[in-house]
C-alpha atoms as a PDB file:
ATOM      1  CA  UNK A   1     -41.244 -47.717 -10.080  1.00  0.00           C
ATOM      2  CA  UNK A   2     -38.997 -45.829 -12.510  1.00  0.00           C
ATOM      3  CA  UNK A   3     -40.703 -42.538 -11.634  1.00  0.00           C
ATOM      4  CA  UNK A   4     -40.249 -43.292  -7.913  1.00  0.00           C
ATOM      5  CA  UNK A   5     -36.529 -44.012  -8.406  1.00  0.00           C
ATOM      6  CA  UNK A   6     -36.082 -40.796 -10.372  1.00  0.00           C
ATOM      7  CA  UNK A   7     -37.853 -38.847  -7.618  1.00  0.00           C
ATOM      8  CA  UNK A   8     -35.598 -40.384  -4.940  1.00  0.00           C
ATOM      9  CA  UNK A   9     -32.413 -39.531  -6.869  1.00  0.00           C
ATOM     10  CA  UNK A  10     -33.668 -35.981  -7.421  1.00  0.00           C
ATOM     11  CA  UNK A  11     -34.560 -35.564  -3.742  1.00  0.00           C
ATOM     12  CA  UNK A  12     -31.164 -36.912  -2.689  1.00  0.00           C
ATOM     13  CA  UNK A  13     -29.372 -34.502  -5.045  1.00  0.00           C
ATOM     14  CA  UNK A  14     -31.415 -31.580  -3.721  1.00  0.00           C
ATOM     15  CA  UNK A  15     -30.617 -32.566  -0.154  1.00  0.00           C
ATOM     16  CA  UNK A  16     -26.894 -32.820  -0.922  1.00  0.00           C
ATOM     17  CA  UNK A  17     -26.969 -29.404  -2.592  1.00  0.00           C
ATOM     18  CA  UNK A  18     -28.757 -27.951   0.433  1.00  0.00           C
ATOM     19  CA  UNK A  19     -26.125 -29.397   2.773  1.00  0.00           C
ATOM     20  CA  UNK A  20     -23.312 -28.060   0.578  1.00  0.00           C
ATOM     21  CA  UNK A  21     -24.928 -24.636   0.520  1.00  0.00           C
ATOM     22  CA  UNK A  22     -25.319 -24.669   4.279  1.00  0.00           C
ATOM     23  CA  UNK A  23     -21.669 -25.669   4.684  1.00  0.00           C
ATOM     24  CA  UNK A  24     -20.650 -22.921   2.287  1.00  0.00           C
ATOM     25  CA  UNK A  25     -22.704 -20.349   4.186  1.00  0.00           C
ATOM     26  CA  UNK A  26     -21.101 -21.411   7.458  1.00  0.00           C
ATOM     27  CA  UNK A  27     -17.563 -20.934   6.148  1.00  0.00           C
ATOM     28  CA  UNK A  28     -16.061 -17.533   6.963  1.00  0.00           C
ATOM     29  CA  UNK A  29     -15.301 -15.413   3.951  1.00  0.00           C
ATOM     30  CA  UNK A  30     -11.602 -14.750   3.371  1.00  0.00           C
ATOM     31  CA  UNK A  31     -10.414 -11.358   4.565  1.00  0.00           C
ATOM     32  CA  UNK A  32     -10.020  -8.901   1.718  1.00  0.00           C
ATOM     33  CA  UNK A  33      -6.496  -8.132   0.646  1.00  0.00           C
ATOM     34  CA  UNK A  34      -4.944  -4.722   1.215  1.00  0.00           C
ATOM     35  CA  UNK A  35      -6.034  -1.975  -1.154  1.00  0.00           C
ATOM     36  CA  UNK A  36      -3.731   0.612  -2.704  1.00  0.00           C
ATOM     37  CA  UNK A  37      -4.708   3.035   0.059  1.00  0.00           C
ATOM     38  CA  UNK A  38      -3.935   0.412   2.733  1.00  0.00           C
ATOM     39  CA  UNK A  39      -0.465  -0.157   1.298  1.00  0.00           C
ATOM     40  CA  UNK A  40       0.149   3.571   0.918  1.00  0.00           C
ATOM     41  CA  UNK A  41      -0.944   4.259   4.511  1.00  0.00           C
ATOM     42  CA  UNK A  42       1.564   1.710   5.772  1.00  0.00           C
ATOM     43  CA  UNK A  43       4.401   2.426   3.336  1.00  0.00           C
ATOM     44  CA  UNK A  44       4.414   6.174   3.946  1.00  0.00           C
ATOM     45  CA  UNK A  45       4.687   5.599   7.706  1.00  0.00           C
ATOM     46  CA  UNK A  46       7.333   2.849   7.628  1.00  0.00           C
ATOM     47  CA  UNK A  47      11.081   3.480   7.467  1.00  0.00           C
ATOM     48  CA  UNK A  48      11.571  -0.149   6.393  1.00  0.00           C
ATOM     49  CA  UNK A  49       9.769  -2.079   3.665  1.00  0.00           C
ATOM     50  CA  UNK A  50      11.058  -5.574   3.055  1.00  0.00           C
ATOM     51  CA  UNK A  51      10.196  -8.910   1.449  1.00  0.00           C
ATOM     52  CA  UNK A  52      11.037 -11.796   3.790  1.00  0.00           C
ATOM     53  CA  UNK A  53      10.753 -15.592   3.936  1.00  0.00           C
ATOM     54  CA  UNK A  54       9.951 -17.273   7.255  1.00  0.00           C
ATOM     55  CA  UNK A  55      12.636 -19.666   8.537  1.00  0.00           C
ATOM     56  CA  UNK A  56      11.063 -20.304  11.930  1.00  0.00           C
ATOM     57  CA  UNK A  57       8.372 -19.056  14.310  1.00  0.00           C
ATOM     58  CA  UNK A  58       7.630 -19.654  17.981  1.00  0.00           C
ATOM     59  CA  UNK A  59       4.567 -18.663  19.990  1.00  0.00           C
ATOM     60  CA  UNK A  60       5.274 -16.340  22.911  1.00  0.00           C
ATOM     61  CA  UNK A  61       3.620 -17.207  26.219  1.00  0.00           C
ATOM     62  CA  UNK A  62       0.748 -14.856  27.004  1.00  0.00           C
ATOM     63  CA  UNK A  63       2.330 -13.751  30.286  1.00  0.00           C
ATOM     64  CA  UNK A  64       5.378 -12.594  28.324  1.00  0.00           C
ATOM     65  CA  UNK A  65       3.328 -10.725  25.699  1.00  0.00           C
ATOM     66  CA  UNK A  66       2.272  -7.372  27.180  1.00  0.00           C
ATOM     67  CA  UNK A  67      -0.553  -5.655  25.343  1.00  0.00           C
ATOM     68  CA  UNK A  68      -1.677  -8.832  23.572  1.00  0.00           C
ATOM     69  CA  UNK A  69      -5.270  -8.496  22.409  1.00  0.00           C
ATOM     70  CA  UNK A  70      -7.821 -11.153  23.448  1.00  0.00           C
ATOM     71  CA  UNK A  71      -8.146 -13.869  20.819  1.00  0.00           C
ATOM     72  CA  UNK A  72      -4.629 -13.317  19.455  1.00  0.00           C
ATOM     73  CA  UNK A  73      -1.325 -15.155  19.695  1.00  0.00           C
ATOM     74  CA  UNK A  74       2.055 -13.435  19.627  1.00  0.00           C
ATOM     75  CA  UNK A  75       4.838 -15.018  17.600  1.00  0.00           C
ATOM     76  CA  UNK A  76       8.531 -14.357  17.439  1.00  0.00           C
ATOM     77  CA  UNK A  77       9.404 -14.826  13.796  1.00  0.00           C
ATOM     78  CA  UNK A  78      12.804 -15.474  12.275  1.00  0.00           C
ATOM     79  CA  UNK A  79      13.022 -14.704   8.580  1.00  0.00           C
ATOM     80  CA  UNK A  80      15.443 -14.472   5.707  1.00  0.00           C
ATOM     81  CA  UNK A  81      15.610 -11.175   3.856  1.00  0.00           C
ATOM     82  CA  UNK A  82      14.575 -11.811   0.249  1.00  0.00           C
ATOM     83  CA  UNK A  83      14.736  -8.197  -0.933  1.00  0.00           C
ATOM     84  CA  UNK A  84      14.912  -4.788   0.656  1.00  0.00           C
ATOM     85  CA  UNK A  85      12.446  -2.283  -0.781  1.00  0.00           C
ATOM     86  CA  UNK A  86      13.369   0.585   1.513  1.00  0.00           C
ATOM     87  CA  UNK A  87      15.446   1.091   4.651  1.00  0.00           C
ATOM     88  CA  UNK A  88      17.467   3.890   6.240  1.00  0.00           C
ATOM     89  CA  UNK A  89      20.465   1.556   6.247  1.00  0.00           C
ATOM     90  CA  UNK A  90      21.420  -1.931   5.131  1.00  0.00           C
ATOM     91  CA  UNK A  91      19.896  -4.854   7.013  1.00  0.00           C
ATOM     92  CA  UNK A  92      21.284  -8.303   7.906  1.00  0.00           C
ATOM     93  CA  UNK A  93      20.151 -11.238   5.808  1.00  0.00           C
ATOM     94  CA  UNK A  94      18.533 -12.803   8.895  1.00  0.00           C
ATOM     95  CA  UNK A  95      15.866 -10.837  10.754  1.00  0.00           C
ATOM     96  CA  UNK A  96      13.598 -11.265  13.756  1.00  0.00           C
ATOM     97  CA  UNK A  97      10.310  -9.570  14.652  1.00  0.00           C
ATOM     98  CA  UNK A  98       7.123  -9.994  16.696  1.00  0.00           C
ATOM     99  CA  UNK A  99       3.667 -10.306  15.168  1.00  0.00           C
ATOM    100  CA  UNK A 100       0.213 -10.851  16.710  1.00  0.00           C
ATOM    101  CA  UNK A 101      -2.120 -13.122  14.746  1.00  0.00           C
ATOM    102  CA  UNK A 102      -5.775 -14.032  15.482  1.00  0.00           C
ATOM    103  CA  UNK A 103      -6.886 -17.444  16.627  1.00  0.00           C
ATOM    104  CA  UNK A 104      -9.362 -19.292  14.420  1.00  0.00           C
ATOM    105  CA  UNK A 105     -13.067 -19.776  15.164  1.00  0.00           C
ATOM    106  CA  UNK A 106     -12.237 -22.775  17.368  1.00  0.00           C
ATOM    107  CA  UNK A 107      -9.683 -20.829  19.369  1.00  0.00           C
ATOM    108  CA  UNK A 108      -6.697 -22.584  17.806  1.00  0.00           C
ATOM    109  CA  UNK A 109      -3.494 -20.681  17.186  1.00  0.00           C
ATOM    110  CA  UNK A 110      -2.579 -20.062  13.538  1.00  0.00           C
ATOM    111  CA  UNK A 111       0.512 -21.589  11.981  1.00  0.00           C
ATOM    112  CA  UNK A 112       3.353 -19.614  10.475  1.00  0.00           C
ATOM    113  CA  UNK A 113       4.812 -22.176   8.134  1.00  0.00           C
ATOM    114  CA  UNK A 114       8.456 -22.252   7.210  1.00  0.00           C
ATOM    115  CA  UNK A 115       8.889 -20.819   3.727  1.00  0.00           C
ATOM    116  CA  UNK A 116       5.908 -18.456   3.950  1.00  0.00           C
ATOM    117  CA  UNK A 117       6.684 -15.103   2.374  1.00  0.00           C
ATOM    118  CA  UNK A 118       5.578 -11.697   3.616  1.00  0.00           C
ATOM    119  CA  UNK A 119       5.961  -8.008   2.991  1.00  0.00           C
ATOM    120  CA  UNK A 120       6.918  -6.184   6.186  1.00  0.00           C
ATOM    121  CA  UNK A 121       6.332  -2.506   6.949  1.00  0.00           C
ATOM    122  CA  UNK A 122       8.485  -1.869   9.960  1.00  0.00           C
ATOM    123  CA  UNK A 123      11.015   0.239  11.838  1.00  0.00           C
ATOM    124  CA  UNK A 124      14.485  -0.701  13.086  1.00  0.00           C
ATOM    125  CA  UNK A 125      14.912  -1.579  16.756  1.00  0.00           C
ATOM    126  CA  UNK A 126      17.519   0.672  18.361  1.00  0.00           C
ATOM    127  CA  UNK A 127      20.671  -1.217  19.284  1.00  0.00           C
ATOM    128  CA  UNK A 128      19.438  -4.440  17.650  1.00  0.00           C
ATOM    129  CA  UNK A 129      20.293  -4.323  13.940  1.00  0.00           C
ATOM    130  CA  UNK A 130      18.839  -7.778  13.238  1.00  0.00           C
ATOM    131  CA  UNK A 131      15.403  -6.986  14.708  1.00  0.00           C
ATOM    132  CA  UNK A 132      12.442  -5.058  13.329  1.00  0.00           C
ATOM    133  CA  UNK A 133       9.283  -3.658  14.896  1.00  0.00           C
ATOM    134  CA  UNK A 134       6.110  -3.744  12.793  1.00  0.00           C
ATOM    135  CA  UNK A 135       4.578  -0.258  12.563  1.00  0.00           C
ATOM    136  CA  UNK A 136       1.036  -1.661  12.874  1.00  0.00           C
ATOM    137  CA  UNK A 137      -0.557  -4.963  13.928  1.00  0.00           C
ATOM    138  CA  UNK A 138      -1.377  -5.721  10.272  1.00  0.00           C
ATOM    139  CA  UNK A 139       1.984  -4.653   8.827  1.00  0.00           C
ATOM    140  CA  UNK A 140       2.918  -8.257   8.003  1.00  0.00           C
ATOM    141  CA  UNK A 141       1.237  -8.757   4.621  1.00  0.00           C
ATOM    142  CA  UNK A 142       1.194 -12.045   2.673  1.00  0.00           C
ATOM    143  CA  UNK A 143       3.504 -11.636  -0.302  1.00  0.00           C
ATOM    144  CA  UNK A 144       2.287 -11.490  -3.874  1.00  0.00           C
ATOM    145  CA  UNK A 145       4.236 -10.141  -6.824  1.00  0.00           C
ATOM    146  CA  UNK A 146       1.453  -7.634  -7.486  1.00  0.00           C
ATOM    147  CA  UNK A 147       1.513  -6.274  -3.924  1.00  0.00           C
ATOM    148  CA  UNK A 148       5.293  -6.045  -3.994  1.00  0.00           C
ATOM    149  CA  UNK A 149       5.133  -4.133  -7.274  1.00  0.00           C
ATOM    150  CA  UNK A 150       2.565  -1.720  -5.849  1.00  0.00           C
ATOM    151  CA  UNK A 151       4.637  -1.204  -2.720  1.00  0.00           C
ATOM    152  CA  UNK A 152       7.758  -0.500  -4.771  1.00  0.00           C
ATOM    153  CA  UNK A 153       5.841   2.007  -6.876  1.00  0.00           C
ATOM    154  CA  UNK A 154       4.575   3.841  -3.776  1.00  0.00           C
ATOM    155  CA  UNK A 155       8.058   3.983  -2.263  1.00  0.00           C
ATOM    156  CA  UNK A 156       9.576   5.166  -5.543  1.00  0.00           C
ATOM    157  CA  UNK A 157       7.037   7.978  -5.944  1.00  0.00           C
ATOM    158  CA  UNK A 158       7.343   8.995  -2.292  1.00  0.00           C
ATOM    159  CA  UNK A 159      11.138   9.154  -2.636  1.00  0.00           C
ATOM    160  CA  UNK A 160      11.080  11.366  -5.736  1.00  0.00           C
ATOM    161  CA  UNK A 161      12.548  14.861  -5.648  1.00  0.00           C
ATOM    162  CA  UNK A 162       9.066  16.436  -5.626  1.00  0.00           C
ATOM    163  CA  UNK A 163       6.555  13.836  -4.400  1.00  0.00           C
ATOM    164  CA  UNK A 164       2.823  14.610  -4.381  1.00  0.00           C
ATOM    165  CA  UNK A 165       2.191  16.480  -1.122  1.00  0.00           C
ATOM    166  CA  UNK A 166      -0.300  15.573   1.589  1.00  0.00           C
ATOM    167  CA  UNK A 167      -3.548  17.511   1.235  1.00  0.00           C
ATOM    168  CA  UNK A 168      -4.282  19.617   4.314  1.00  0.00           C
ATOM    169  CA  UNK A 169      -7.441  21.401   3.151  1.00  0.00           C
ATOM    170  CA  UNK A 170      -9.144  23.424   0.430  1.00  0.00           C
ATOM    171  CA  UNK A 171      -8.419  27.097  -0.156  1.00  0.00           C
ATOM    172  CA  UNK A 172     -10.086  29.607  -2.461  1.00  0.00           C
ATOM    173  CA  UNK A 173     -12.208  28.563  -5.418  1.00  0.00           C
ATOM    174  CA  UNK A 174     -13.223  30.527  -8.510  1.00  0.00           C
ATOM    175  CA  UNK A 175     -15.634  30.022 -11.386  1.00  0.00           C
ATOM    176  CA  UNK A 176     -15.529  31.898 -14.697  1.00  0.00           C
ATOM    177  CA  UNK A 177     -18.319  31.474 -17.294  1.00  0.00           C
ATOM    178  CA  UNK A 178     -17.171  31.347 -20.911  1.00  0.00           C
ATOM    179  CA  UNK A 179     -18.253  33.473 -23.878  1.00  0.00           C
ATOM    180  CA  UNK A 180     -20.533  30.648 -25.076  1.00  0.00           C
ATOM    181  CA  UNK A 181     -23.460  29.274 -23.071  1.00  0.00           C
ATOM    182  CA  UNK A 182     -22.395  26.087 -21.272  1.00  0.00           C
ATOM    183  CA  UNK A 183     -18.713  26.984 -21.342  1.00  0.00           C
ATOM    184  CA  UNK A 184     -16.902  27.568 -18.047  1.00  0.00           C
ATOM    185  CA  UNK A 185     -13.761  27.073 -16.024  1.00  0.00           C
ATOM    186  CA  UNK A 186     -13.509  26.347 -12.309  1.00  0.00           C
ATOM    187  CA  UNK A 187     -10.276  26.522 -10.371  1.00  0.00           C
ATOM    188  CA  UNK A 188      -9.930  25.234  -6.819  1.00  0.00           C
ATOM    189  CA  UNK A 189      -6.751  25.829  -4.841  1.00  0.00           C
ATOM    190  CA  UNK A 190      -5.689  23.211  -2.312  1.00  0.00           C
ATOM    191  CA  UNK A 191      -3.755  23.584   0.922  1.00  0.00           C
ATOM    192  CA  UNK A 192      -0.870  21.175   1.443  1.00  0.00           C
ATOM    193  CA  UNK A 193       1.170  20.095   4.438  1.00  0.00           C
ATOM    194  CA  UNK A 194       4.437  21.443   2.993  1.00  0.00           C
ATOM    195  CA  UNK A 195       3.053  24.502   1.229  1.00  0.00           C
ATOM    196  CA  UNK A 196       3.429  23.080  -2.289  1.00  0.00           C
ATOM    197  CA  UNK A 197       0.918  24.791  -4.601  1.00  0.00           C
ATOM    198  CA  UNK A 198      -1.737  22.400  -5.901  1.00  0.00           C
ATOM    199  CA  UNK A 199      -4.880  23.315  -7.811  1.00  0.00           C
ATOM    200  CA  UNK A 200      -7.766  21.569  -9.529  1.00  0.00           C
ATOM    201  CA  UNK A 201      -9.194  22.837 -12.807  1.00  0.00           C
ATOM    202  CA  UNK A 202     -12.471  21.789 -14.414  1.00  0.00           C
ATOM    203  CA  UNK A 203     -13.250  22.852 -17.992  1.00  0.00           C
ATOM    204  CA  UNK A 204     -16.704  22.579 -19.529  1.00  0.00           C
ATOM    205  CA  UNK A 205     -17.561  23.093 -23.196  1.00  0.00           C
ATOM    206  CA  UNK A 206     -20.946  22.680 -24.904  1.00  0.00           C
ATOM    207  CA  UNK A 207     -21.501  19.183 -26.254  1.00  0.00           C
ATOM    208  CA  UNK A 208     -18.347  17.788 -24.632  1.00  0.00           C
ATOM    209  CA  UNK A 209     -17.634  15.840 -21.485  1.00  0.00           C
ATOM    210  CA  UNK A 210     -16.101  17.929 -18.701  1.00  0.00           C
ATOM    211  CA  UNK A 211     -12.320  17.785 -18.423  1.00  0.00           C
ATOM    212  CA  UNK A 212     -10.381  18.133 -15.208  1.00  0.00           C
ATOM    213  CA  UNK A 213      -6.732  18.316 -14.263  1.00  0.00           C
ATOM    214  CA  UNK A 214      -4.485  18.809 -11.255  1.00  0.00           C
ATOM    215  CA  UNK A 215      -1.489  21.149 -11.322  1.00  0.00           C
ATOM    216  CA  UNK A 216       1.444  20.821  -8.927  1.00  0.00           C
ATOM    217  CA  UNK A 217       2.691  24.351  -9.445  1.00  0.00           C
ATOM    218  CA  UNK A 218       1.319  27.877  -9.445  1.00  0.00           C
ATOM    219  CA  UNK A 219       0.963  27.771 -13.225  1.00  0.00           C
ATOM    220  CA  UNK A 220      -1.600  25.521 -14.914  1.00  0.00           C
ATOM    221  CA  UNK A 221      -0.106  24.449 -18.251  1.00  0.00           C
ATOM    222  CA  UNK A 222      -0.898  21.885 -20.927  1.00  0.00           C
ATOM    223  CA  UNK A 223       1.038  19.219 -18.993  1.00  0.00           C
ATOM    224  CA  UNK A 224      -1.596  19.228 -16.241  1.00  0.00           C
ATOM    225  CA  UNK A 225      -3.828  16.148 -16.325  1.00  0.00           C
ATOM    226  CA  UNK A 226      -6.024  14.003 -14.138  1.00  0.00           C
ATOM    227  CA  UNK A 227      -4.002  11.512 -12.026  1.00  0.00           C
ATOM    228  CA  UNK A 228      -4.108   7.854 -12.951  1.00  0.00           C
ATOM    229  CA  UNK A 229      -5.739   5.573 -10.351  1.00  0.00           C
ATOM    230  CA  UNK A 230      -3.260   3.650  -8.264  1.00  0.00           C
ATOM    231  CA  UNK A 231      -0.692   6.444  -8.139  1.00  0.00           C
ATOM    232  CA  UNK A 232       0.500   8.462  -5.185  1.00  0.00           C
ATOM    233  CA  UNK A 233      -1.067  11.658  -6.538  1.00  0.00           C
ATOM    234  CA  UNK A 234      -4.409   9.858  -6.907  1.00  0.00           C
ATOM    235  CA  UNK A 235      -4.079   8.602  -3.313  1.00  0.00           C
ATOM    236  CA  UNK A 236      -3.308  12.072  -1.973  1.00  0.00           C
ATOM    237  CA  UNK A 237      -6.436  13.484  -3.619  1.00  0.00           C
ATOM    238  CA  UNK A 238      -8.891  10.588  -3.260  1.00  0.00           C
ATOM    239  CA  UNK A 239      -7.962  10.029   0.386  1.00  0.00           C
ATOM    240  CA  UNK A 240      -7.165  13.619   1.358  1.00  0.00           C
ATOM    241  CA  UNK A 241      -9.883  15.804  -0.117  1.00  0.00           C
ATOM    242  CA  UNK A 242     -12.893  16.575   2.086  1.00  0.00           C
ATOM    243  CA  UNK A 243     -16.238  15.222   0.887  1.00  0.00           C
ATOM    244  CA  UNK A 244     -17.649  18.745   0.599  1.00  0.00           C
ATOM    245  CA  UNK A 245     -16.150  22.174   0.038  1.00  0.00           C
ATOM    246  CA  UNK A 246     -15.717  24.239   3.196  1.00  0.00           C
ATOM    247  CA  UNK A 247     -17.818  27.393   3.163  1.00  0.00           C
ATOM    248  CA  UNK A 248     -14.806  29.776   3.303  1.00  0.00           C
ATOM    249  CA  UNK A 249     -13.681  28.424  -0.084  1.00  0.00           C
ATOM    250  CA  UNK A 250     -16.814  29.952  -1.643  1.00  0.00           C
ATOM    251  CA  UNK A 251     -16.630  33.279   0.166  1.00  0.00           C
ATOM    252  CA  UNK A 252     -15.709  35.215  -2.996  1.00  0.00           C
ATOM    253  CA  UNK A 253     -18.324  33.557  -5.237  1.00  0.00           C
ATOM    254  CA  UNK A 254     -21.898  34.655  -5.850  1.00  0.00           C
ATOM    255  CA  UNK A 255     -24.748  32.146  -5.536  1.00  0.00           C
ATOM    256  CA  UNK A 256     -24.598  30.952  -9.165  1.00  0.00           C
ATOM    257  CA  UNK A 257     -20.808  30.607  -9.154  1.00  0.00           C
ATOM    258  CA  UNK A 258     -20.859  28.827  -5.793  1.00  0.00           C
ATOM    259  CA  UNK A 259     -23.345  26.273  -7.126  1.00  0.00           C
ATOM    260  CA  UNK A 260     -21.182  25.717 -10.216  1.00  0.00           C
ATOM    261  CA  UNK A 261     -18.027  25.308  -8.114  1.00  0.00           C
ATOM    262  CA  UNK A 262     -19.708  22.775  -5.834  1.00  0.00           C
ATOM    263  CA  UNK A 263     -20.950  20.818  -8.866  1.00  0.00           C
ATOM    264  CA  UNK A 264     -17.469  20.760 -10.372  1.00  0.00           C
ATOM    265  CA  UNK A 265     -15.949  19.689  -7.054  1.00  0.00           C
ATOM    266  CA  UNK A 266     -18.421  16.784  -6.834  1.00  0.00           C
ATOM    267  CA  UNK A 267     -17.473  15.906 -10.414  1.00  0.00           C
ATOM    268  CA  UNK A 268     -13.786  15.689  -9.436  1.00  0.00           C
ATOM    269  CA  UNK A 269     -14.602  13.495  -6.425  1.00  0.00           C
ATOM    270  CA  UNK A 270     -16.652  11.217  -8.646  1.00  0.00           C
ATOM    271  CA  UNK A 271     -13.830  10.942 -11.168  1.00  0.00           C
ATOM    272  CA  UNK A 272     -11.342  10.083  -8.428  1.00  0.00           C
ATOM    273  CA  UNK A 273     -13.581   7.413  -6.961  1.00  0.00           C
ATOM    274  CA  UNK A 274     -13.569   6.232  -3.339  1.00  0.00           C
ATOM    275  CA  UNK A 275     -10.504   5.891  -1.160  1.00  0.00           C
ATOM    276  CA  UNK A 276     -11.135   2.208  -0.467  1.00  0.00           C
ATOM    277  CA  UNK A 277      -9.561   0.730   2.648  1.00  0.00           C
ATOM    278  CA  UNK A 278      -9.925  -2.768   4.120  1.00  0.00           C
ATOM    279  CA  UNK A 279      -7.854  -2.390   7.302  1.00  0.00           C
ATOM    280  CA  UNK A 280      -9.653  -2.588  10.651  1.00  0.00           C
END
């Protein structure tokens, strides 16, 4: 009898665990938060970056929401300006904007609760100083202190006197073997949107790990170093460099040098890591 009771309790526990697992499997996974590259993509395109707190929101009737995607609801949101990260001019303390949000799995409209805080990447609406226009459907981002700090860092670097330029392509590349076997230096010149000189250098020495650096001038000096992840220079390289060297970049190299240059370029890409994005 005792063994039978123990078996029943064990079977019941297993069944409950199976049900819980099934319920867990049926729940949709939360959408991933924006990556550094996501935030940089939006911030670099937005004249306005702001932290706001929702004071009210009303759903817009579908017939008055041109361009509304199926499965979405358009809201007119009223919000208080908590802090202004960037703007071409001062903004009122009360703002309004439109945002499209997806319905849930049951087709119900989401709720924009009063007091919810968001980061907005937007543009001013001409002639309406208290209204903003989101620059992308996903440019209303749930606020966290970490995301706000990252956004401020991106804006600060982009607003510097000499910000890291956008990479437009790869120019010439050279490889020079050293006096000792296993020693070499590769230099790869990059093309930029504004003509700013940028080059990559990879140094190899016997018995040591390869070293690489990026120079933002025509002269490579001791100040040149690899960019730290989560910086605008890292973003420009990780998200702007092609996955393989174009053939014209190797036009002046013999077969051995070309192979060495390609290996060093792959090394740089590996050190940078992927340009991860979660936006759809």
